């Protein structure tokens, strides 16, 4: 009966704070994210009355996902990458953040690897605790949405898209994101991700 519902808030509601942006259940417990002042992942402790307790070492400016898995609760944000909260309330970083990118979500595979969705890098598979390089799964298209100029060559039927180092107002951005080439129905990305520095 909804008339007997009780409201449990981890922190007072505020127009400047995101409360309950993500809610998840793990191991019979409820968890919620709180951003802004008092940021953290909160765990609901049942009782009379029930209360919320912040989980240590879970703070973030902006959370991207809160996902239960067989080995713990995955906490995803840009600053910390992917962290795991286990049943003993220990927080461990399982996938390091990628500088300059936006980690959106992550899931753990049965083999222990993680599939990480990244706004700029697409889908990548990471093998924590090994020296194995991440695998990138990229659709047939440019690696990202950076584009400054286009060069189309009608003789060779090749189109090149250059990221450039300038904004649309010709202000320097310092961007060195490479270029993309379309030929024979396929895109090739000539970027630091596709061709990392070998020196």
N, C-alpha and C. Protein backbone atom coordinates (compact mmCIF):
# COMPACT_ATOMS: atom_id res chain seq x y z
N UNK A 1 0.85 -1.17 0.00
CA UNK A 1 0.00 0.00 0.00
C UNK A 1 0.90 1.25 0.00
N UNK A 2 0.81 2.05 -1.04
CA UNK A 2 1.70 3.21 -1.18
C UNK A 2 1.48 4.25 -0.08
N UNK A 3 0.32 4.24 0.60
CA UNK A 3 0.07 5.22 1.66
C UNK A 3 0.92 4.96 2.89
N UNK A 4 1.49 3.77 2.99
CA UNK A 4 2.32 3.47 4.15
C UNK A 4 3.81 3.47 3.80
N UNK A 5 4.17 3.98 2.63
CA UNK A 5 5.57 4.04 2.25
C UNK A 5 6.31 5.03 3.14
N UNK A 6 7.59 4.74 3.35
CA UNK A 6 8.44 5.61 4.15
C UNK A 6 9.59 6.10 3.26
N UNK A 7 9.91 7.37 3.37
CA UNK A 7 10.98 7.95 2.58
C UNK A 7 12.28 7.92 3.37
N UNK A 8 13.32 7.31 2.77
CA UNK A 8 14.64 7.24 3.40
C UNK A 8 15.62 7.99 2.50
N UNK A 9 16.16 9.08 2.98
CA UNK A 9 17.11 9.87 2.20
C UNK A 9 18.49 9.79 2.82
N UNK A 10 19.52 9.49 2.01
CA UNK A 10 20.88 9.46 2.57
C UNK A 10 21.38 10.83 2.97
N UNK A 11 20.95 11.86 2.25
CA UNK A 11 21.31 13.25 2.54
C UNK A 11 20.08 14.09 2.24
N UNK A 12 19.98 15.28 2.81
CA UNK A 12 18.83 16.14 2.50
C UNK A 12 18.78 16.47 1.01
N UNK A 13 17.60 16.54 0.46
CA UNK A 13 17.44 16.88 -0.95
C UNK A 13 17.88 18.30 -1.21
N UNK A 14 18.48 18.51 -2.38
CA UNK A 14 19.00 19.83 -2.75
C UNK A 14 18.97 19.94 -4.26
N UNK A 15 18.73 21.14 -4.75
CA UNK A 15 18.70 21.36 -6.20
C UNK A 15 20.09 21.23 -6.81
N UNK A 16 21.15 21.34 -6.01
CA UNK A 16 22.52 21.29 -6.52
C UNK A 16 23.17 19.93 -6.33
N UNK A 17 22.45 18.96 -5.82
CA UNK A 17 23.03 17.65 -5.53
C UNK A 17 22.19 16.56 -6.18
N UNK A 18 22.85 15.63 -6.85
CA UNK A 18 22.15 14.49 -7.44
C UNK A 18 22.10 13.36 -6.42
N UNK A 19 20.89 13.05 -5.99
CA UNK A 19 20.68 11.98 -5.03
C UNK A 19 19.97 10.85 -5.77
N UNK A 20 20.43 9.64 -5.56
CA UNK A 20 19.83 8.45 -6.18
C UNK A 20 19.95 8.45 -7.71
N UNK A 21 20.99 9.05 -8.25
CA UNK A 21 21.14 8.99 -9.71
C UNK A 21 21.25 7.54 -10.15
N UNK A 22 21.96 6.74 -9.36
CA UNK A 22 22.05 5.31 -9.62
C UNK A 22 21.70 4.57 -8.34
N UNK A 23 20.88 3.55 -8.47
CA UNK A 23 20.50 2.69 -7.35
C UNK A 23 20.72 1.26 -7.80
N UNK A 24 21.31 0.43 -6.93
CA UNK A 24 21.56 -0.97 -7.28
C UNK A 24 21.43 -1.83 -6.04
N UNK A 25 21.16 -3.10 -6.27
CA UNK A 25 21.11 -4.07 -5.18
C UNK A 25 22.24 -5.06 -5.38
N UNK A 26 22.97 -5.35 -4.31
CA UNK A 26 24.05 -6.33 -4.35
C UNK A 26 24.06 -7.08 -3.04
N UNK A 27 24.07 -8.40 -3.12
CA UNK A 27 24.16 -9.26 -1.95
C UNK A 27 23.08 -8.92 -0.91
N UNK A 28 21.86 -8.66 -1.40
CA UNK A 28 20.75 -8.38 -0.50
C UNK A 28 20.74 -7.00 0.11
N UNK A 29 21.62 -6.11 -0.35
CA UNK A 29 21.71 -4.75 0.19
C UNK A 29 21.39 -3.74 -0.91
N UNK A 30 20.84 -2.59 -0.52
CA UNK A 30 20.55 -1.51 -1.46
C UNK A 30 21.65 -0.46 -1.36
N UNK A 31 22.07 0.05 -2.53
CA UNK A 31 23.11 1.07 -2.61
C UNK A 31 22.61 2.20 -3.51
N UNK A 32 23.05 3.42 -3.22
CA UNK A 32 22.69 4.58 -4.03
C UNK A 32 23.87 5.54 -4.11
N UNK A 33 23.95 6.27 -5.21
CA UNK A 33 25.01 7.26 -5.36
C UNK A 33 24.49 8.64 -4.98
N UNK A 34 25.37 9.44 -4.39
CA UNK A 34 25.08 10.83 -4.06
C UNK A 34 26.25 11.65 -4.59
N UNK A 35 25.94 12.67 -5.39
CA UNK A 35 26.98 13.53 -5.94
C UNK A 35 26.97 14.88 -5.24
N UNK A 36 28.02 15.64 -5.42
CA UNK A 36 28.12 16.96 -4.79
C UNK A 36 28.64 16.85 -3.38
N UNK A 37 28.19 17.76 -2.50
CA UNK A 37 28.63 17.75 -1.11
C UNK A 37 28.20 16.45 -0.44
N UNK A 38 29.13 15.77 0.21
CA UNK A 38 28.82 14.48 0.83
C UNK A 38 28.78 13.35 -0.18
N UNK A 39 29.50 13.52 -1.31
CA UNK A 39 29.47 12.53 -2.38
C UNK A 39 29.97 11.18 -1.90
N UNK A 40 29.36 10.14 -2.45
CA UNK A 40 29.78 8.79 -2.14
C UNK A 40 28.70 7.80 -2.51
N UNK A 41 29.04 6.53 -2.37
CA UNK A 41 28.05 5.47 -2.50
C UNK A 41 27.54 5.19 -1.10
N UNK A 42 26.24 5.20 -0.95
CA UNK A 42 25.61 4.97 0.34
C UNK A 42 24.96 3.60 0.36
N UNK A 43 25.04 2.95 1.52
CA UNK A 43 24.43 1.63 1.72
C UNK A 43 23.28 1.79 2.71
N UNK A 44 22.13 1.21 2.36
CA UNK A 44 20.98 1.29 3.25
C UNK A 44 21.10 0.22 4.33
N UNK A 45 20.96 0.64 5.59
CA UNK A 45 21.02 -0.28 6.73
C UNK A 45 19.60 -0.35 7.31
N UNK A 46 18.93 -1.50 7.14
CA UNK A 46 17.56 -1.60 7.64
C UNK A 46 17.50 -1.52 9.16
N UNK A 47 16.39 -1.10 9.65
CA UNK A 47 16.18 -0.99 11.09
C UNK A 47 14.96 -0.14 11.36
N UNK A 48 14.80 0.28 12.58
CA UNK A 48 13.67 1.12 12.93
C UNK A 48 14.20 2.40 13.55
N UNK A 49 14.36 3.47 12.87
CA UNK A 49 14.17 3.59 11.43
C UNK A 49 15.43 3.14 10.67
N UNK A 50 15.28 2.88 9.39
CA UNK A 50 16.42 2.54 8.56
C UNK A 50 17.28 3.76 8.32
N UNK A 51 18.57 3.54 8.06
CA UNK A 51 19.48 4.66 7.81
C UNK A 51 20.38 4.35 6.62
N UNK A 52 20.99 5.38 6.09
CA UNK A 52 21.98 5.25 5.02
C UNK A 52 23.35 5.55 5.61
N UNK A 53 24.34 4.74 5.21
CA UNK A 53 25.72 4.97 5.63
C UNK A 53 26.60 5.08 4.41
N UNK A 54 27.46 6.11 4.41
CA UNK A 54 28.37 6.26 3.28
C UNK A 54 29.44 5.17 3.35
N UNK A 55 29.78 4.62 2.19
CA UNK A 55 30.82 3.60 2.09
C UNK A 55 32.15 4.32 1.86
N UNK A 56 33.13 4.04 2.68
CA UNK A 56 34.43 4.71 2.60
C UNK A 56 35.08 4.49 1.23
N UNK A 57 35.81 5.50 0.78
CA UNK A 57 36.61 5.45 -0.45
C UNK A 57 35.77 5.28 -1.72
N UNK A 58 34.54 5.82 -1.72
CA UNK A 58 33.70 5.71 -2.91
C UNK A 58 33.31 7.06 -3.49
N UNK A 59 33.89 8.15 -3.01
CA UNK A 59 33.52 9.49 -3.47
C UNK A 59 33.83 9.71 -4.93
N UNK A 60 33.03 10.57 -5.56
CA UNK A 60 33.24 10.93 -6.96
C UNK A 60 32.48 12.21 -7.24
N UNK A 61 32.97 13.00 -8.18
CA UNK A 61 32.25 14.20 -8.58
C UNK A 61 31.03 13.88 -9.41
N UNK A 62 31.13 12.84 -10.24
CA UNK A 62 30.00 12.43 -11.08
C UNK A 62 30.11 10.95 -11.39
N UNK A 63 29.10 10.21 -10.98
CA UNK A 63 29.07 8.77 -11.24
C UNK A 63 28.50 8.51 -12.63
N UNK A 64 28.98 7.44 -13.26
CA UNK A 64 28.50 7.04 -14.58
C UNK A 64 27.64 5.78 -14.51
N UNK A 65 27.93 4.91 -13.52
CA UNK A 65 27.17 3.66 -13.41
C UNK A 65 27.40 3.04 -12.05
N UNK A 66 26.44 2.25 -11.63
CA UNK A 66 26.52 1.46 -10.41
C UNK A 66 25.93 0.12 -10.79
N UNK A 67 26.79 -0.91 -10.93
CA UNK A 67 26.34 -2.17 -11.52
C UNK A 67 26.75 -3.36 -10.65
N UNK A 68 25.77 -4.18 -10.25
CA UNK A 68 26.11 -5.39 -9.49
C UNK A 68 26.74 -6.45 -10.39
N UNK A 69 27.67 -7.21 -9.84
CA UNK A 69 28.28 -8.34 -10.56
C UNK A 69 28.46 -9.48 -9.58
N UNK A 70 28.95 -10.60 -10.05
CA UNK A 70 29.12 -11.77 -9.19
C UNK A 70 30.23 -11.58 -8.16
N UNK A 71 31.12 -10.62 -8.37
CA UNK A 71 32.24 -10.41 -7.44
C UNK A 71 32.16 -9.11 -6.66
N UNK A 72 31.09 -8.35 -6.85
CA UNK A 72 30.95 -7.11 -6.12
C UNK A 72 30.14 -6.09 -6.89
N UNK A 73 30.04 -4.92 -6.32
CA UNK A 73 29.32 -3.82 -6.94
C UNK A 73 30.33 -2.97 -7.71
N UNK A 74 30.11 -2.78 -9.00
CA UNK A 74 31.03 -1.99 -9.83
C UNK A 74 30.60 -0.52 -9.79
N UNK A 75 31.53 0.33 -9.39
CA UNK A 75 31.30 1.78 -9.31
C UNK A 75 32.11 2.41 -10.44
N UNK A 76 31.42 3.09 -11.36
CA UNK A 76 32.08 3.63 -12.55
C UNK A 76 32.01 5.15 -12.53
N UNK A 77 33.17 5.79 -12.71
CA UNK A 77 33.23 7.24 -12.86
C UNK A 77 34.50 7.61 -13.61
N UNK A 78 34.56 8.84 -14.12
CA UNK A 78 35.70 9.27 -14.94
C UNK A 78 37.00 9.36 -14.14
N UNK A 79 36.93 9.85 -12.92
CA UNK A 79 38.14 10.10 -12.14
C UNK A 79 38.81 8.82 -11.65
N UNK A 80 38.03 7.81 -11.31
CA UNK A 80 38.59 6.58 -10.73
C UNK A 80 38.49 5.37 -11.63
N UNK A 81 37.86 5.47 -12.77
CA UNK A 81 37.71 4.33 -13.66
C UNK A 81 36.62 3.40 -13.16
N UNK A 82 36.97 2.13 -13.00
CA UNK A 82 36.02 1.13 -12.50
C UNK A 82 36.55 0.60 -11.18
N UNK A 83 35.74 0.78 -10.12
CA UNK A 83 36.10 0.27 -8.81
C UNK A 83 35.11 -0.83 -8.43
N UNK A 84 35.59 -1.76 -7.61
CA UNK A 84 34.76 -2.86 -7.13
C UNK A 84 34.59 -2.73 -5.63
N UNK A 85 33.34 -2.77 -5.18
CA UNK A 85 33.03 -2.82 -3.75
C UNK A 85 32.65 -4.27 -3.46
N UNK A 86 33.46 -4.95 -2.65
CA UNK A 86 33.18 -6.37 -2.39
C UNK A 86 32.28 -6.55 -1.17
N UNK A 87 31.97 -7.80 -0.85
CA UNK A 87 31.06 -8.11 0.25
C UNK A 87 31.61 -7.68 1.61
N UNK A 88 32.94 -7.50 1.73
CA UNK A 88 33.56 -7.05 2.97
C UNK A 88 33.69 -5.53 3.03
N UNK A 89 33.04 -4.84 2.09
CA UNK A 89 33.04 -3.37 2.01
C UNK A 89 34.41 -2.80 1.66
N UNK A 90 35.27 -3.58 1.01
CA UNK A 90 36.57 -3.10 0.54
C UNK A 90 36.43 -2.59 -0.89
N UNK A 91 37.03 -1.45 -1.17
CA UNK A 91 36.96 -0.84 -2.49
C UNK A 91 38.31 -1.02 -3.18
N UNK A 92 38.28 -1.56 -4.39
CA UNK A 92 39.49 -1.82 -5.17
C UNK A 92 39.29 -1.29 -6.58
N UNK A 93 40.29 -0.60 -7.11
CA UNK A 93 40.21 -0.17 -8.52
C UNK A 93 40.58 -1.37 -9.39
N UNK A 94 39.64 -1.75 -10.28
CA UNK A 94 39.89 -2.91 -11.14
C UNK A 94 40.25 -2.51 -12.56
N UNK A 95 39.80 -1.33 -13.01
CA UNK A 95 40.19 -0.80 -14.32
C UNK A 95 40.56 0.66 -14.11
N UNK A 96 41.80 1.00 -14.40
CA UNK A 96 42.28 2.37 -14.23
C UNK A 96 41.58 3.31 -15.21
N UNK A 97 41.39 4.56 -14.82
CA UNK A 97 40.76 5.51 -15.75
C UNK A 97 41.70 5.82 -16.91
N UNK A 98 41.12 6.18 -18.05
CA UNK A 98 41.88 6.61 -19.21
C UNK A 98 41.84 8.13 -19.25
N UNK A 99 42.98 8.76 -19.19
CA UNK A 99 43.06 10.22 -19.15
C UNK A 99 42.41 10.82 -20.40
N UNK A 100 41.55 11.80 -20.21
CA UNK A 100 40.93 12.50 -21.32
C UNK A 100 39.77 11.78 -21.96
N UNK A 101 39.29 10.71 -21.34
CA UNK A 101 38.14 10.00 -21.91
C UNK A 101 37.03 9.92 -20.87
N UNK A 102 35.90 9.39 -21.28
CA UNK A 102 34.73 9.34 -20.41
C UNK A 102 34.24 7.90 -20.30
N UNK A 103 34.53 7.26 -19.19
CA UNK A 103 34.07 5.89 -18.96
C UNK A 103 32.60 5.93 -18.61
N UNK A 104 31.75 5.24 -19.39
CA UNK A 104 30.31 5.27 -19.18
C UNK A 104 29.78 4.08 -18.39
N UNK A 105 30.31 2.89 -18.64
CA UNK A 105 29.78 1.70 -17.99
C UNK A 105 30.80 0.59 -18.10
N UNK A 106 30.59 -0.47 -17.32
CA UNK A 106 31.49 -1.63 -17.37
C UNK A 106 30.75 -2.86 -16.89
N UNK A 107 31.11 -3.99 -17.48
CA UNK A 107 30.61 -5.29 -17.02
C UNK A 107 31.78 -6.24 -16.94
N UNK A 108 31.67 -7.21 -16.04
CA UNK A 108 32.74 -8.21 -15.87
C UNK A 108 32.37 -9.47 -16.62
N UNK A 109 33.34 -10.02 -17.35
CA UNK A 109 33.15 -11.26 -18.09
C UNK A 109 33.47 -12.45 -17.19
N UNK A 110 33.01 -13.60 -17.56
CA UNK A 110 33.28 -14.82 -16.77
C UNK A 110 34.77 -15.13 -16.66
N UNK A 111 35.54 -14.73 -17.67
CA UNK A 111 36.98 -15.02 -17.64
C UNK A 111 37.77 -14.01 -16.81
N UNK A 112 37.08 -13.05 -16.18
CA UNK A 112 37.75 -12.08 -15.32
C UNK A 112 38.10 -10.77 -16.00
N UNK A 113 37.91 -10.69 -17.31
CA UNK A 113 38.16 -9.43 -18.01
C UNK A 113 36.95 -8.52 -17.86
N UNK A 114 37.14 -7.26 -18.22
CA UNK A 114 36.06 -6.27 -18.12
C UNK A 114 35.83 -5.65 -19.49
N UNK A 115 34.57 -5.52 -19.86
CA UNK A 115 34.20 -4.77 -21.04
C UNK A 115 33.81 -3.38 -20.57
N UNK A 116 34.50 -2.37 -21.09
CA UNK A 116 34.32 -1.00 -20.64
C UNK A 116 33.82 -0.16 -21.80
N UNK A 117 32.67 0.50 -21.60
CA UNK A 117 32.12 1.41 -22.60
C UNK A 117 32.66 2.80 -22.32
N UNK A 118 33.29 3.38 -23.33
CA UNK A 118 33.92 4.69 -23.20
C UNK A 118 33.38 5.61 -24.28
N UNK A 119 32.99 6.81 -23.89
CA UNK A 119 32.38 7.75 -24.84
C UNK A 119 33.30 8.04 -26.02
N UNK A 120 34.59 8.19 -25.79
CA UNK A 120 35.51 8.54 -26.87
C UNK A 120 36.19 7.32 -27.49
N UNK A 121 36.45 6.29 -26.70
CA UNK A 121 37.21 5.15 -27.21
C UNK A 121 36.35 3.97 -27.65
N UNK A 122 35.05 4.06 -27.47
CA UNK A 122 34.17 2.97 -27.84
C UNK A 122 34.19 1.86 -26.80
N UNK A 123 34.04 0.63 -27.25
CA UNK A 123 34.05 -0.52 -26.34
C UNK A 123 35.45 -1.10 -26.30
N UNK A 124 35.95 -1.34 -25.08
CA UNK A 124 37.26 -1.97 -24.96
C UNK A 124 37.17 -3.10 -23.95
N UNK A 125 38.01 -4.09 -24.14
CA UNK A 125 38.10 -5.22 -23.23
C UNK A 125 39.44 -5.13 -22.51
N UNK A 126 39.39 -5.11 -21.19
CA UNK A 126 40.58 -4.93 -20.37
C UNK A 126 40.79 -6.18 -19.54
N UNK A 127 42.05 -6.59 -19.43
CA UNK A 127 42.44 -7.78 -18.66
C UNK A 127 43.27 -7.33 -17.46
N UNK A 128 42.61 -6.99 -16.33
CA UNK A 128 43.35 -6.49 -15.16
C UNK A 128 44.33 -7.54 -14.62
N UNK A 129 45.45 -7.05 -14.10
CA UNK A 129 46.43 -7.94 -13.50
C UNK A 129 47.31 -8.66 -14.49
N UNK A 130 47.19 -8.34 -15.77
CA UNK A 130 48.04 -8.96 -16.79
C UNK A 130 48.73 -7.86 -17.59
N UNK A 131 49.69 -8.25 -18.38
CA UNK A 131 50.37 -7.28 -19.24
C UNK A 131 49.70 -7.21 -20.62
N UNK A 132 48.59 -7.91 -20.78
CA UNK A 132 47.90 -7.93 -22.06
C UNK A 132 47.29 -6.56 -22.36
N UNK A 133 47.53 -6.07 -23.57
CA UNK A 133 47.00 -4.77 -23.98
C UNK A 133 45.49 -4.85 -24.14
N UNK A 134 44.80 -3.73 -23.89
CA UNK A 134 43.34 -3.73 -24.08
C UNK A 134 42.97 -3.99 -25.54
N UNK A 135 41.84 -4.64 -25.75
CA UNK A 135 41.30 -4.84 -27.09
C UNK A 135 40.24 -3.78 -27.32
N UNK A 136 40.23 -3.18 -28.50
CA UNK A 136 39.25 -2.15 -28.83
C UNK A 136 38.31 -2.69 -29.89
N UNK A 137 37.01 -2.49 -29.68
CA UNK A 137 35.99 -2.89 -30.63
C UNK A 137 35.36 -1.61 -31.17
N UNK A 138 35.72 -1.27 -32.39
CA UNK A 138 35.31 -0.01 -32.96
C UNK A 138 34.49 -0.30 -34.21
N UNK A 139 33.38 0.39 -34.35
CA UNK A 139 32.55 0.26 -35.55
C UNK A 139 33.30 0.81 -36.76
N UNK A 140 32.83 0.46 -37.94
CA UNK A 140 33.43 0.95 -39.17
C UNK A 140 33.10 2.43 -39.31
N UNK A 141 33.93 3.27 -38.72
CA UNK A 141 33.72 4.71 -38.76
C UNK A 141 34.87 5.40 -38.08
N UNK A 142 34.86 6.72 -38.08
CA UNK A 142 35.91 7.46 -37.38
C UNK A 142 35.94 7.12 -35.89
N UNK A 143 37.12 7.16 -35.32
CA UNK A 143 37.31 6.80 -33.91
C UNK A 143 36.58 7.74 -32.97
N UNK A 144 36.51 9.01 -33.32
CA UNK A 144 35.78 9.95 -32.48
C UNK A 144 35.15 11.03 -33.35
N UNK A 145 34.52 12.00 -32.73
CA UNK A 145 33.79 13.02 -33.48
C UNK A 145 34.58 14.29 -33.75
N UNK A 146 35.88 14.27 -33.53
CA UNK A 146 36.70 15.45 -33.80
C UNK A 146 36.91 15.58 -35.31
N UNK A 147 36.56 16.72 -35.86
CA UNK A 147 36.85 16.96 -37.27
C UNK A 147 37.01 18.45 -37.49
N UNK A 148 38.00 18.79 -38.29
CA UNK A 148 38.28 20.18 -38.58
C UNK A 148 38.16 20.46 -40.08
N UNK A 149 38.62 19.52 -40.88
CA UNK A 149 38.52 19.72 -42.33
C UNK A 149 38.42 18.37 -43.02
N UNK A 150 37.90 18.42 -44.25
CA UNK A 150 37.71 17.21 -45.05
C UNK A 150 38.40 17.41 -46.39
N UNK A 151 39.06 16.36 -46.86
CA UNK A 151 39.68 16.37 -48.18
C UNK A 151 39.14 15.18 -48.96
N UNK A 152 38.45 15.44 -50.06
CA UNK A 152 37.91 14.36 -50.91
C UNK A 152 38.66 14.36 -52.23
N UNK A 153 39.17 13.20 -52.62
CA UNK A 153 39.91 13.05 -53.86
C UNK A 153 39.08 12.21 -54.82
N UNK A 154 38.51 12.85 -55.85
CA UNK A 154 37.64 12.15 -56.80
C UNK A 154 38.42 11.15 -57.65
N UNK A 155 39.70 11.38 -57.89
CA UNK A 155 40.50 10.46 -58.71
C UNK A 155 40.68 9.11 -58.03
N UNK A 156 40.95 9.14 -56.72
CA UNK A 156 41.22 7.89 -56.00
C UNK A 156 40.01 7.39 -55.21
N UNK A 157 38.96 8.22 -55.13
CA UNK A 157 37.76 7.89 -54.38
C UNK A 157 38.07 7.69 -52.89
N UNK A 158 38.96 8.55 -52.36
CA UNK A 158 39.37 8.51 -50.95
C UNK A 158 38.96 9.82 -50.28
N UNK A 159 38.42 9.69 -49.07
CA UNK A 159 38.05 10.87 -48.29
C UNK A 159 38.87 10.84 -47.00
N UNK A 160 39.50 11.97 -46.69
CA UNK A 160 40.25 12.10 -45.44
C UNK A 160 39.58 13.14 -44.57
N UNK A 161 39.44 12.83 -43.27
CA UNK A 161 38.89 13.76 -42.29
C UNK A 161 40.00 14.07 -41.31
N UNK A 162 40.34 15.35 -41.17
CA UNK A 162 41.44 15.76 -40.31
C UNK A 162 40.89 16.37 -39.02
N UNK A 163 41.47 15.96 -37.90
CA UNK A 163 41.01 16.49 -36.61
C UNK A 163 41.52 17.90 -36.39
N UNK A 164 42.69 18.20 -36.84
CA UNK A 164 43.23 19.55 -36.74
C UNK A 164 43.56 19.95 -35.32
N UNK A 165 44.20 21.07 -35.19
CA UNK A 165 44.57 21.58 -33.89
C UNK A 165 43.88 22.88 -33.57
N UNK A 166 42.71 23.13 -34.23
CA UNK A 166 42.02 24.39 -34.07
C UNK A 166 40.52 24.16 -33.86
N UNK A 167 39.88 25.11 -33.19
CA UNK A 167 38.43 25.05 -32.99
C UNK A 167 37.75 25.61 -34.24
N UNK A 168 36.40 25.61 -34.23
CA UNK A 168 35.67 26.16 -35.37
C UNK A 168 35.90 27.66 -35.53
N UNK A 169 36.44 28.33 -34.49
CA UNK A 169 36.76 29.76 -34.56
C UNK A 169 38.25 29.98 -34.80
N UNK A 170 38.94 28.91 -35.18
CA UNK A 170 40.36 28.94 -35.50
C UNK A 170 41.24 29.31 -34.30
N UNK A 171 40.79 28.93 -33.12
CA UNK A 171 41.61 29.10 -31.93
C UNK A 171 42.40 27.81 -31.71
N UNK A 172 43.68 27.88 -31.36
CA UNK A 172 44.47 26.67 -31.16
C UNK A 172 43.91 25.81 -30.02
N UNK A 173 43.79 24.51 -30.27
CA UNK A 173 43.32 23.59 -29.23
C UNK A 173 44.42 22.65 -28.75
N UNK A 174 45.49 22.53 -29.53
CA UNK A 174 46.56 21.61 -29.15
C UNK A 174 46.18 20.15 -29.36
N UNK A 175 45.06 19.91 -30.01
CA UNK A 175 44.59 18.55 -30.24
C UNK A 175 45.47 17.84 -31.26
N UNK A 176 45.92 16.67 -30.89
CA UNK A 176 46.73 15.84 -31.79
C UNK A 176 46.07 14.47 -31.88
N UNK A 177 44.88 14.45 -32.49
CA UNK A 177 44.07 13.23 -32.52
C UNK A 177 44.17 12.48 -33.84
N UNK A 178 45.05 12.89 -34.75
CA UNK A 178 45.24 12.16 -35.99
C UNK A 178 44.21 12.49 -37.05
N UNK A 179 43.97 11.51 -37.97
CA UNK A 179 42.99 11.71 -39.03
C UNK A 179 42.36 10.37 -39.37
N UNK A 180 41.29 10.42 -40.17
CA UNK A 180 40.54 9.22 -40.56
C UNK A 180 40.45 9.20 -42.08
N UNK A 181 40.56 8.01 -42.65
CA UNK A 181 40.52 7.90 -44.10
C UNK A 181 39.47 6.87 -44.51
N UNK A 182 38.63 7.25 -45.50
CA UNK A 182 37.60 6.37 -46.01
C UNK A 182 37.99 5.95 -47.42
N UNK A 183 38.18 4.64 -47.62
CA UNK A 183 38.55 4.11 -48.93
C UNK A 183 38.00 2.70 -49.06
N UNK A 184 37.47 2.39 -50.22
CA UNK A 184 36.92 1.05 -50.51
C UNK A 184 35.89 0.60 -49.48
N UNK A 185 35.05 1.54 -49.02
CA UNK A 185 33.98 1.19 -48.09
C UNK A 185 34.40 0.99 -46.65
N UNK A 186 35.65 1.29 -46.32
CA UNK A 186 36.15 1.09 -44.96
C UNK A 186 36.85 2.35 -44.45
N UNK A 187 36.69 2.58 -43.14
CA UNK A 187 37.40 3.66 -42.48
C UNK A 187 38.68 3.11 -41.86
N UNK A 188 39.76 3.88 -41.96
CA UNK A 188 41.00 3.58 -41.25
C UNK A 188 41.31 4.78 -40.38
N UNK A 189 41.56 4.51 -39.11
CA UNK A 189 41.85 5.58 -38.15
C UNK A 189 43.36 5.67 -37.93
N UNK A 190 43.94 6.79 -38.25
CA UNK A 190 45.35 7.04 -38.02
C UNK A 190 45.44 7.94 -36.79
N UNK A 191 45.35 7.32 -35.63
CA UNK A 191 45.26 8.05 -34.36
C UNK A 191 46.21 7.44 -33.34
N UNK A 192 46.45 8.14 -32.22
CA UNK A 192 47.30 7.57 -31.19
C UNK A 192 46.79 6.25 -30.62
N UNK A 193 45.47 6.04 -30.64
CA UNK A 193 44.92 4.77 -30.15
C UNK A 193 45.21 3.64 -31.12
N UNK A 194 44.99 3.89 -32.43
CA UNK A 194 45.22 2.86 -33.43
C UNK A 194 46.70 2.60 -33.67
N UNK A 195 47.50 3.65 -33.61
CA UNK A 195 48.94 3.55 -33.83
C UNK A 195 49.68 4.24 -32.68
N UNK A 196 49.81 3.57 -31.52
CA UNK A 196 50.47 4.22 -30.39
C UNK A 196 51.93 4.50 -30.67
N UNK A 197 52.50 5.41 -29.90
CA UNK A 197 53.91 5.79 -30.03
C UNK A 197 54.76 4.56 -29.76
N UNK A 198 55.63 4.21 -30.68
CA UNK A 198 56.48 3.02 -30.54
C UNK A 198 57.86 3.34 -30.03
N UNK A 199 58.13 4.61 -29.74
CA UNK A 199 59.48 4.96 -29.27
C UNK A 199 59.49 5.09 -27.78
